[in-house]
């Protein structure tokens, strides 16, 4: 199983309807198969997520965040890991807002060393 504990991630790609950017930093913590994260930066004043990690390292998560307009936004996300040649983890994400316009998108996060 992948272990995401104490790893930091940064978006390198996001759909236009997303709010995270290269300035957003996620700190992942993991106990067993339960993953949590706090994140902020860029348009995100503060965010949190909770998810379950399966045996292949895929993450099924829910998130909520307060953006730079003071709005509370919520959503769901499925992340699929890839181990890059340098050993860092890249996450390929498919997500959907459960608030606002309920649109969906995709993003790519890479581990920050």
C-alpha atoms as a PDB file:
ATOM      1  CA  UNK A   1       0.000   0.000   0.000  1.00  0.00           C
ATOM      2  CA  UNK A   2       1.139   3.538  -0.686  1.00  0.00           C
ATOM      3  CA  UNK A   3       1.975   5.529   2.407  1.00  0.00           C
ATOM      4  CA  UNK A   4       1.228   9.232   2.040  1.00  0.00           C
ATOM      5  CA  UNK A   5       2.065  10.140   5.639  1.00  0.00           C
ATOM      6  CA  UNK A   6       3.972  13.439   6.007  1.00  0.00           C
ATOM      7  CA  UNK A   7       4.154  13.977   2.221  1.00  0.00           C
ATOM      8  CA  UNK A   8       3.476  17.364   0.655  1.00  0.00           C
ATOM      9  CA  UNK A   9       1.828  17.852  -2.744  1.00  0.00           C
ATOM     10  CA  UNK A  10       1.348  20.792  -5.104  1.00  0.00           C
ATOM     11  CA  UNK A  11      -0.963  21.046  -8.143  1.00  0.00           C
ATOM     12  CA  UNK A  12       0.857  21.197 -11.480  1.00  0.00           C
ATOM     13  CA  UNK A  13      -2.338  21.135 -13.566  1.00  0.00           C
ATOM     14  CA  UNK A  14      -6.013  21.901 -12.899  1.00  0.00           C
ATOM     15  CA  UNK A  15      -9.224  22.470 -14.824  1.00  0.00           C
ATOM     16  CA  UNK A  16     -10.297  26.102 -15.259  1.00  0.00           C
ATOM     17  CA  UNK A  17     -13.208  25.593 -12.828  1.00  0.00           C
ATOM     18  CA  UNK A  18     -10.864  24.445 -10.025  1.00  0.00           C
ATOM     19  CA  UNK A  19      -9.554  26.660  -7.233  1.00  0.00           C
ATOM     20  CA  UNK A  20      -6.184  25.103  -6.414  1.00  0.00           C
ATOM     21  CA  UNK A  21      -2.986  26.236  -8.123  1.00  0.00           C
ATOM     22  CA  UNK A  22       0.791  25.829  -7.888  1.00  0.00           C
ATOM     23  CA  UNK A  23       0.648  28.084  -4.798  1.00  0.00           C
ATOM     24  CA  UNK A  24      -1.570  25.566  -2.957  1.00  0.00           C
ATOM     25  CA  UNK A  25       0.331  23.121  -0.713  1.00  0.00           C
ATOM     26  CA  UNK A  26      -1.295  19.955   0.666  1.00  0.00           C
ATOM     27  CA  UNK A  27       0.170  18.164   3.710  1.00  0.00           C
ATOM     28  CA  UNK A  28      -1.035  14.551   3.758  1.00  0.00           C
ATOM     29  CA  UNK A  29      -1.220  12.500   6.950  1.00  0.00           C
ATOM     30  CA  UNK A  30      -2.132   8.810   6.954  1.00  0.00           C
ATOM     31  CA  UNK A  31      -3.013   6.274   9.654  1.00  0.00           C
ATOM     32  CA  UNK A  32      -3.758   2.837   8.239  1.00  0.00           C
ATOM     33  CA  UNK A  33      -5.969   3.461   5.232  1.00  0.00           C
ATOM     34  CA  UNK A  34      -7.353   6.794   6.529  1.00  0.00           C
ATOM     35  CA  UNK A  35      -5.883   9.883   4.885  1.00  0.00           C
ATOM     36  CA  UNK A  36      -6.339  13.480   6.032  1.00  0.00           C
ATOM     37  CA  UNK A  37      -4.887  16.726   4.765  1.00  0.00           C
ATOM     38  CA  UNK A  38      -4.806  20.419   5.447  1.00  0.00           C
ATOM     39  CA  UNK A  39      -4.050  22.773   2.571  1.00  0.00           C
ATOM     40  CA  UNK A  40      -3.843  26.461   1.744  1.00  0.00           C
ATOM     41  CA  UNK A  41      -2.262  28.899  -0.665  1.00  0.00           C
ATOM     42  CA  UNK A  42      -3.244  30.766  -3.801  1.00  0.00           C
ATOM     43  CA  UNK A  43      -7.022  31.125  -3.891  1.00  0.00           C
ATOM     44  CA  UNK A  44      -7.461  28.747  -0.921  1.00  0.00           C
ATOM     45  CA  UNK A  45      -7.489  30.374   2.501  1.00  0.00           C
ATOM     46  CA  UNK A  46      -7.932  27.032   4.294  1.00  0.00           C
ATOM     47  CA  UNK A  47      -8.965  23.545   3.239  1.00  0.00           C
ATOM     48  CA  UNK A  48      -9.296  20.050   4.666  1.00  0.00           C
ATOM     49  CA  UNK A  49      -9.864  16.643   3.171  1.00  0.00           C
ATOM     50  CA  UNK A  50     -10.480  13.123   4.402  1.00  0.00           C
ATOM     51  CA  UNK A  51     -10.190   9.982   2.353  1.00  0.00           C
ATOM     52  CA  UNK A  52      -9.679   6.257   2.218  1.00  0.00           C
ATOM     53  CA  UNK A  53      -6.632   4.724   0.540  1.00  0.00           C
ATOM     54  CA  UNK A  54      -7.113   1.370  -1.207  1.00  0.00           C
ATOM     55  CA  UNK A  55      -4.512  -1.385  -1.713  1.00  0.00           C
ATOM     56  CA  UNK A  56      -3.319   0.218  -4.996  1.00  0.00           C
ATOM     57  CA  UNK A  57      -2.862   3.660  -3.380  1.00  0.00           C
ATOM     58  CA  UNK A  58      -5.977   5.168  -4.971  1.00  0.00           C
ATOM     59  CA  UNK A  59      -7.705   7.714  -2.741  1.00  0.00           C
ATOM     60  CA  UNK A  60     -11.469   8.268  -2.457  1.00  0.00           C
ATOM     61  CA  UNK A  61     -11.845  11.617  -0.686  1.00  0.00           C
ATOM     62  CA  UNK A  62     -14.177  14.415   0.343  1.00  0.00           C
ATOM     63  CA  UNK A  63     -12.988  17.990   0.750  1.00  0.00           C
ATOM     64  CA  UNK A  64     -14.125  21.377   1.988  1.00  0.00           C
ATOM     65  CA  UNK A  65     -12.366  24.699   1.671  1.00  0.00           C
ATOM     66  CA  UNK A  66     -12.793  28.437   2.119  1.00  0.00           C
ATOM     67  CA  UNK A  67     -11.662  30.394  -0.928  1.00  0.00           C
ATOM     68  CA  UNK A  68     -10.327  33.942  -1.268  1.00  0.00           C
ATOM     69  CA  UNK A  69     -13.900  35.252  -1.680  1.00  0.00           C
ATOM     70  CA  UNK A  70     -14.872  33.830   1.721  1.00  0.00           C
ATOM     71  CA  UNK A  71     -17.022  31.086   0.160  1.00  0.00           C
ATOM     72  CA  UNK A  72     -17.268  27.564   1.575  1.00  0.00           C
ATOM     73  CA  UNK A  73     -16.796  25.038  -1.242  1.00  0.00           C
ATOM     74  CA  UNK A  74     -17.178  21.247  -0.998  1.00  0.00           C
ATOM     75  CA  UNK A  75     -16.509  18.322  -3.293  1.00  0.00           C
ATOM     76  CA  UNK A  76     -15.464  14.745  -3.958  1.00  0.00           C
ATOM     77  CA  UNK A  77     -12.293  13.468  -5.592  1.00  0.00           C
ATOM     78  CA  UNK A  78     -10.718  10.222  -6.781  1.00  0.00           C
ATOM     79  CA  UNK A  79      -6.901  10.203  -6.981  1.00  0.00           C
ATOM     80  CA  UNK A  80      -4.835   7.587  -8.800  1.00  0.00           C
ATOM     81  CA  UNK A  81      -1.104   7.496  -7.972  1.00  0.00           C
ATOM     82  CA  UNK A  82       1.823   7.197 -10.336  1.00  0.00           C
ATOM     83  CA  UNK A  83       5.419   6.742  -9.190  1.00  0.00           C
ATOM     84  CA  UNK A  84       7.616   9.019 -11.276  1.00  0.00           C
ATOM     85  CA  UNK A  85      11.163   7.994 -12.371  1.00  0.00           C
ATOM     86  CA  UNK A  86      12.619  10.222  -9.601  1.00  0.00           C
ATOM     87  CA  UNK A  87      10.623   8.264  -6.969  1.00  0.00           C
ATOM     88  CA  UNK A  88       8.169  11.058  -6.191  1.00  0.00           C
ATOM     89  CA  UNK A  89       4.419  10.472  -6.385  1.00  0.00           C
ATOM     90  CA  UNK A  90       2.156  12.085  -8.990  1.00  0.00           C
ATOM     91  CA  UNK A  91      -1.610  12.014  -8.351  1.00  0.00           C
ATOM     92  CA  UNK A  92      -4.080  12.035 -11.250  1.00  0.00           C
ATOM     93  CA  UNK A  93      -7.363  13.391  -9.909  1.00  0.00           C
ATOM     94  CA  UNK A  94     -10.959  13.418 -11.091  1.00  0.00           C
ATOM     95  CA  UNK A  95     -13.132  15.676  -8.950  1.00  0.00           C
ATOM     96  CA  UNK A  96     -16.593  17.195  -8.715  1.00  0.00           C
ATOM     97  CA  UNK A  97     -17.968  20.102  -6.734  1.00  0.00           C
ATOM     98  CA  UNK A  98     -20.879  19.228  -4.426  1.00  0.00           C
ATOM     99  CA  UNK A  99     -21.491  22.968  -3.935  1.00  0.00           C
ATOM    100  CA  UNK A 100     -21.688  25.887  -6.350  1.00  0.00           C
ATOM    101  CA  UNK A 101     -22.309  24.834  -9.946  1.00  0.00           C
ATOM    102  CA  UNK A 102     -21.559  21.141  -9.178  1.00  0.00           C
ATOM    103  CA  UNK A 103     -19.234  20.976 -12.189  1.00  0.00           C
ATOM    104  CA  UNK A 104     -16.420  18.463 -12.487  1.00  0.00           C
ATOM    105  CA  UNK A 105     -12.791  18.606 -13.524  1.00  0.00           C
ATOM    106  CA  UNK A 106      -9.386  16.999 -13.331  1.00  0.00           C
ATOM    107  CA  UNK A 107      -6.065  17.922 -11.802  1.00  0.00           C
ATOM    108  CA  UNK A 108      -2.551  16.592 -11.361  1.00  0.00           C
ATOM    109  CA  UNK A 109      -0.616  16.941  -8.101  1.00  0.00           C
ATOM    110  CA  UNK A 110       3.067  16.181  -7.627  1.00  0.00           C
ATOM    111  CA  UNK A 111       4.948  15.447  -4.448  1.00  0.00           C
ATOM    112  CA  UNK A 112       7.098  18.319  -3.187  1.00  0.00           C
ATOM    113  CA  UNK A 113      10.479  17.248  -1.845  1.00  0.00           C
END
